[in-house]
């Protein structure tokens, strides 16, 4: 039997990156946006932290973000990610 793991709460950085990805995808779960499209929504001195956080979000077991392998890596938000943002009251 699979052991059900508890969902870890999102940090403020993860929430900010998830919102930036949602904006870059225009709220669509079918859009694949390059990493730079997400990072361009942050000031230059925060982009390194945002890049690490985006990659960390893609590895989370809750699957809020999907990573796509193309020539350059692209990302898309999932319905779970959109539901989480609505649950947190960040988007309507």
N, C-alpha and C. Protein backbone atom coordinates (compact mmCIF):
# COMPACT_ATOMS: atom_id res chain seq x y z
N UNK A 1 0.82 -1.18 0.00
CA UNK A 1 0.00 0.00 0.00
C UNK A 1 0.86 1.24 0.00
N UNK A 2 0.39 2.24 -0.71
CA UNK A 2 1.09 3.52 -0.73
C UNK A 2 0.84 4.26 0.56
N UNK A 3 1.89 4.79 1.08
CA UNK A 3 1.79 5.58 2.29
C UNK A 3 1.45 7.02 1.90
N UNK A 4 0.40 7.56 2.45
CA UNK A 4 -0.01 8.91 2.11
C UNK A 4 0.87 9.91 2.86
N UNK A 5 1.54 10.78 2.12
CA UNK A 5 2.41 11.76 2.75
C UNK A 5 1.64 13.05 3.00
N UNK A 6 2.03 13.73 4.01
CA UNK A 6 1.40 15.02 4.30
C UNK A 6 1.96 16.06 3.35
N UNK A 7 1.09 16.94 2.95
CA UNK A 7 1.47 18.01 2.05
C UNK A 7 2.21 19.08 2.83
N UNK A 8 3.42 19.42 2.38
CA UNK A 8 4.18 20.48 3.03
C UNK A 8 3.61 21.83 2.62
N UNK A 9 3.55 22.77 3.53
CA UNK A 9 3.04 24.10 3.15
C UNK A 9 4.03 24.79 2.20
N UNK A 10 3.49 25.61 1.32
CA UNK A 10 4.32 26.35 0.39
C UNK A 10 4.99 27.52 1.10
N UNK A 11 6.23 27.79 0.74
CA UNK A 11 6.92 28.96 1.27
C UNK A 11 6.48 30.19 0.48
N UNK A 12 6.82 31.36 0.98
CA UNK A 12 6.47 32.59 0.27
C UNK A 12 7.13 32.64 -1.11
N UNK A 13 8.36 32.16 -1.21
CA UNK A 13 9.07 32.15 -2.49
C UNK A 13 8.36 31.23 -3.48
N UNK A 14 7.92 30.06 -3.01
CA UNK A 14 7.22 29.13 -3.90
C UNK A 14 5.90 29.70 -4.37
N UNK A 15 5.20 30.40 -3.50
CA UNK A 15 3.94 31.03 -3.89
C UNK A 15 4.19 32.10 -4.95
N UNK A 16 5.23 32.92 -4.75
CA UNK A 16 5.55 33.98 -5.71
C UNK A 16 5.89 33.39 -7.08
N UNK A 17 6.67 32.31 -7.12
CA UNK A 17 7.03 31.68 -8.39
C UNK A 17 5.82 31.03 -9.03
N UNK A 18 4.96 30.43 -8.25
CA UNK A 18 3.74 29.81 -8.78
C UNK A 18 2.82 30.87 -9.40
N UNK A 19 2.71 32.03 -8.76
CA UNK A 19 1.90 33.12 -9.31
C UNK A 19 2.53 33.64 -10.59
N UNK A 20 3.86 33.78 -10.62
CA UNK A 20 4.54 34.25 -11.83
C UNK A 20 4.34 33.27 -12.98
N UNK A 21 4.37 31.98 -12.70
CA UNK A 21 4.13 30.97 -13.73
C UNK A 21 2.68 31.03 -14.20
N UNK A 22 1.75 31.21 -13.28
CA UNK A 22 0.33 31.33 -13.65
C UNK A 22 0.11 32.53 -14.56
N UNK A 23 0.76 33.65 -14.25
CA UNK A 23 0.65 34.85 -15.09
C UNK A 23 1.30 34.62 -16.45
N UNK A 24 2.45 33.97 -16.47
CA UNK A 24 3.15 33.71 -17.74
C UNK A 24 2.33 32.79 -18.64
N UNK A 25 1.60 31.87 -18.05
CA UNK A 25 0.75 30.94 -18.81
C UNK A 25 -0.63 31.52 -19.09
N UNK A 26 -0.90 32.73 -18.63
CA UNK A 26 -2.22 33.36 -18.75
C UNK A 26 -3.32 32.49 -18.15
N UNK A 27 -2.99 31.77 -17.09
CA UNK A 27 -3.97 30.94 -16.40
C UNK A 27 -4.31 29.64 -17.11
N UNK A 28 -3.60 29.31 -18.18
CA UNK A 28 -3.90 28.11 -18.95
C UNK A 28 -3.03 26.94 -18.50
N UNK A 29 -3.64 25.76 -18.42
CA UNK A 29 -2.87 24.57 -18.06
C UNK A 29 -2.22 23.94 -19.30
N UNK A 30 -2.57 24.43 -20.49
CA UNK A 30 -2.03 23.87 -21.73
C UNK A 30 -0.81 24.63 -22.25
N UNK A 31 -0.52 25.78 -21.68
CA UNK A 31 0.60 26.60 -22.15
C UNK A 31 1.92 26.08 -21.58
N UNK A 32 2.94 26.08 -22.41
CA UNK A 32 4.30 25.72 -22.00
C UNK A 32 5.14 26.97 -22.19
N UNK A 33 5.66 27.51 -21.10
CA UNK A 33 6.45 28.74 -21.19
C UNK A 33 7.89 28.45 -20.81
N UNK A 34 8.84 29.10 -21.49
CA UNK A 34 10.25 28.89 -21.12
C UNK A 34 10.55 29.47 -19.74
N UNK A 35 11.62 28.99 -19.17
CA UNK A 35 12.04 29.43 -17.84
C UNK A 35 12.21 30.95 -17.79
N UNK A 36 12.74 31.53 -18.85
CA UNK A 36 12.98 32.97 -18.88
C UNK A 36 11.69 33.78 -18.81
N UNK A 37 10.61 33.25 -19.34
CA UNK A 37 9.33 33.96 -19.28
C UNK A 37 8.85 34.09 -17.85
N UNK A 38 9.15 33.11 -17.03
CA UNK A 38 8.76 33.16 -15.61
C UNK A 38 9.72 34.08 -14.86
N UNK A 39 11.02 33.93 -15.12
CA UNK A 39 12.02 34.69 -14.39
C UNK A 39 11.98 36.18 -14.71
N UNK A 40 11.49 36.53 -15.90
CA UNK A 40 11.45 37.94 -16.30
C UNK A 40 10.44 38.72 -15.47
N UNK A 41 9.60 38.06 -14.72
CA UNK A 41 8.63 38.73 -13.87
C UNK A 41 9.21 39.13 -12.51
N UNK A 42 10.48 38.80 -12.29
CA UNK A 42 11.17 39.15 -11.05
C UNK A 42 12.27 40.16 -11.34
N UNK A 43 12.62 40.94 -10.33
CA UNK A 43 13.75 41.86 -10.47
C UNK A 43 15.02 41.05 -10.65
N UNK A 44 16.02 41.62 -11.35
CA UNK A 44 17.23 40.83 -11.68
C UNK A 44 17.93 40.19 -10.49
N UNK A 45 17.98 40.85 -9.35
CA UNK A 45 18.71 40.25 -8.23
C UNK A 45 17.92 39.14 -7.53
N UNK A 46 16.65 38.92 -7.90
CA UNK A 46 15.87 37.82 -7.34
C UNK A 46 15.77 36.62 -8.28
N UNK A 47 16.28 36.75 -9.50
CA UNK A 47 16.09 35.70 -10.51
C UNK A 47 16.81 34.41 -10.18
N UNK A 48 17.95 34.49 -9.53
CA UNK A 48 18.67 33.27 -9.15
C UNK A 48 17.86 32.45 -8.16
N UNK A 49 17.31 33.12 -7.16
CA UNK A 49 16.47 32.45 -6.17
C UNK A 49 15.20 31.92 -6.82
N UNK A 50 14.62 32.70 -7.75
CA UNK A 50 13.40 32.27 -8.43
C UNK A 50 13.67 31.04 -9.29
N UNK A 51 14.83 30.97 -9.94
CA UNK A 51 15.18 29.81 -10.76
C UNK A 51 15.28 28.55 -9.90
N UNK A 52 15.96 28.66 -8.76
CA UNK A 52 16.09 27.51 -7.86
C UNK A 52 14.72 27.08 -7.33
N UNK A 53 13.89 28.05 -7.00
CA UNK A 53 12.57 27.75 -6.46
C UNK A 53 11.68 27.11 -7.51
N UNK A 54 11.76 27.57 -8.76
CA UNK A 54 10.97 26.98 -9.85
C UNK A 54 11.37 25.52 -10.06
N UNK A 55 12.65 25.24 -10.04
CA UNK A 55 13.11 23.86 -10.20
C UNK A 55 12.69 23.00 -9.02
N UNK A 56 12.71 23.59 -7.82
CA UNK A 56 12.27 22.86 -6.62
C UNK A 56 10.77 22.56 -6.68
N UNK A 57 9.99 23.53 -7.18
CA UNK A 57 8.54 23.32 -7.32
C UNK A 57 8.24 22.19 -8.31
N UNK A 58 9.04 22.09 -9.37
CA UNK A 58 8.82 21.05 -10.37
C UNK A 58 9.09 19.65 -9.80
N UNK A 59 9.88 19.57 -8.73
CA UNK A 59 10.20 18.28 -8.12
C UNK A 59 9.27 17.90 -6.97
N UNK A 60 8.40 18.80 -6.55
CA UNK A 60 7.50 18.50 -5.42
C UNK A 60 6.53 17.38 -5.78
N UNK A 61 6.21 16.52 -4.83
CA UNK A 61 5.30 15.40 -5.12
C UNK A 61 3.86 15.84 -5.40
N UNK A 62 3.47 17.05 -5.01
CA UNK A 62 2.11 17.50 -5.25
C UNK A 62 1.86 17.88 -6.71
N UNK A 63 2.92 18.04 -7.48
CA UNK A 63 2.84 18.30 -8.93
C UNK A 63 2.06 19.58 -9.26
N UNK A 64 2.47 20.69 -8.66
CA UNK A 64 1.87 21.98 -8.98
C UNK A 64 2.40 22.50 -10.32
N UNK A 65 3.60 22.07 -10.69
CA UNK A 65 4.28 22.54 -11.90
C UNK A 65 4.78 21.33 -12.67
N UNK A 66 4.62 21.36 -14.00
CA UNK A 66 5.17 20.31 -14.85
C UNK A 66 6.36 20.86 -15.63
N UNK A 67 7.39 20.06 -15.72
CA UNK A 67 8.59 20.45 -16.46
C UNK A 67 8.58 19.71 -17.80
N UNK A 68 8.86 20.44 -18.88
CA UNK A 68 8.88 19.86 -20.21
C UNK A 68 10.27 19.99 -20.80
N UNK A 69 10.75 18.93 -21.37
CA UNK A 69 12.07 18.95 -21.99
C UNK A 69 11.94 19.30 -23.47
N UNK A 70 12.40 20.44 -23.84
CA UNK A 70 12.48 20.87 -25.23
C UNK A 70 13.94 21.21 -25.48
N UNK A 71 14.20 22.04 -26.48
CA UNK A 71 15.56 22.55 -26.63
C UNK A 71 15.95 23.28 -25.37
N UNK A 72 15.05 24.14 -24.92
CA UNK A 72 15.24 24.77 -23.63
C UNK A 72 14.09 24.30 -22.74
N UNK A 73 14.33 24.21 -21.48
CA UNK A 73 13.32 23.69 -20.57
C UNK A 73 12.15 24.65 -20.47
N UNK A 74 10.95 24.11 -20.54
CA UNK A 74 9.75 24.93 -20.37
C UNK A 74 8.92 24.33 -19.25
N UNK A 75 8.04 25.15 -18.73
CA UNK A 75 7.22 24.75 -17.59
C UNK A 75 5.77 25.08 -17.85
N UNK A 76 4.87 24.37 -17.19
CA UNK A 76 3.44 24.69 -17.24
C UNK A 76 2.87 24.47 -15.85
N UNK A 77 1.81 25.20 -15.55
CA UNK A 77 1.13 25.05 -14.27
C UNK A 77 0.06 23.99 -14.43
N UNK A 78 -0.21 23.25 -13.38
CA UNK A 78 -1.24 22.20 -13.42
C UNK A 78 -2.50 22.71 -12.73
N UNK A 79 -3.58 21.95 -12.86
CA UNK A 79 -4.82 22.31 -12.17
C UNK A 79 -4.62 22.28 -10.65
N UNK A 80 -3.76 21.39 -10.18
CA UNK A 80 -3.46 21.35 -8.75
C UNK A 80 -2.82 22.66 -8.30
N UNK A 81 -1.93 23.21 -9.14
CA UNK A 81 -1.29 24.48 -8.83
C UNK A 81 -2.28 25.62 -8.80
N UNK A 82 -3.20 25.63 -9.76
CA UNK A 82 -4.23 26.68 -9.80
C UNK A 82 -5.16 26.55 -8.60
N UNK A 83 -5.54 25.32 -8.26
CA UNK A 83 -6.40 25.11 -7.09
C UNK A 83 -5.72 25.57 -5.80
N UNK A 84 -4.42 25.30 -5.71
CA UNK A 84 -3.67 25.71 -4.51
C UNK A 84 -3.64 27.23 -4.39
N UNK A 85 -3.43 27.94 -5.51
CA UNK A 85 -3.42 29.40 -5.48
C UNK A 85 -4.79 29.95 -5.10
N UNK A 86 -5.85 29.32 -5.59
CA UNK A 86 -7.20 29.75 -5.21
C UNK A 86 -7.47 29.48 -3.74
N UNK A 87 -7.00 28.33 -3.27
CA UNK A 87 -7.17 27.97 -1.86
C UNK A 87 -6.46 28.97 -0.95
N UNK A 88 -5.30 29.45 -1.39
CA UNK A 88 -4.54 30.43 -0.61
C UNK A 88 -5.12 31.84 -0.75
N UNK A 89 -6.04 32.04 -1.69
CA UNK A 89 -6.65 33.34 -1.89
C UNK A 89 -5.80 34.31 -2.70
N UNK A 90 -4.82 33.77 -3.43
CA UNK A 90 -3.92 34.62 -4.21
C UNK A 90 -4.56 35.02 -5.53
N UNK A 91 -5.31 34.10 -6.14
CA UNK A 91 -6.02 34.40 -7.38
C UNK A 91 -7.52 34.14 -7.16
N UNK A 92 -8.32 34.65 -8.08
CA UNK A 92 -9.77 34.45 -7.96
C UNK A 92 -10.26 33.45 -8.98
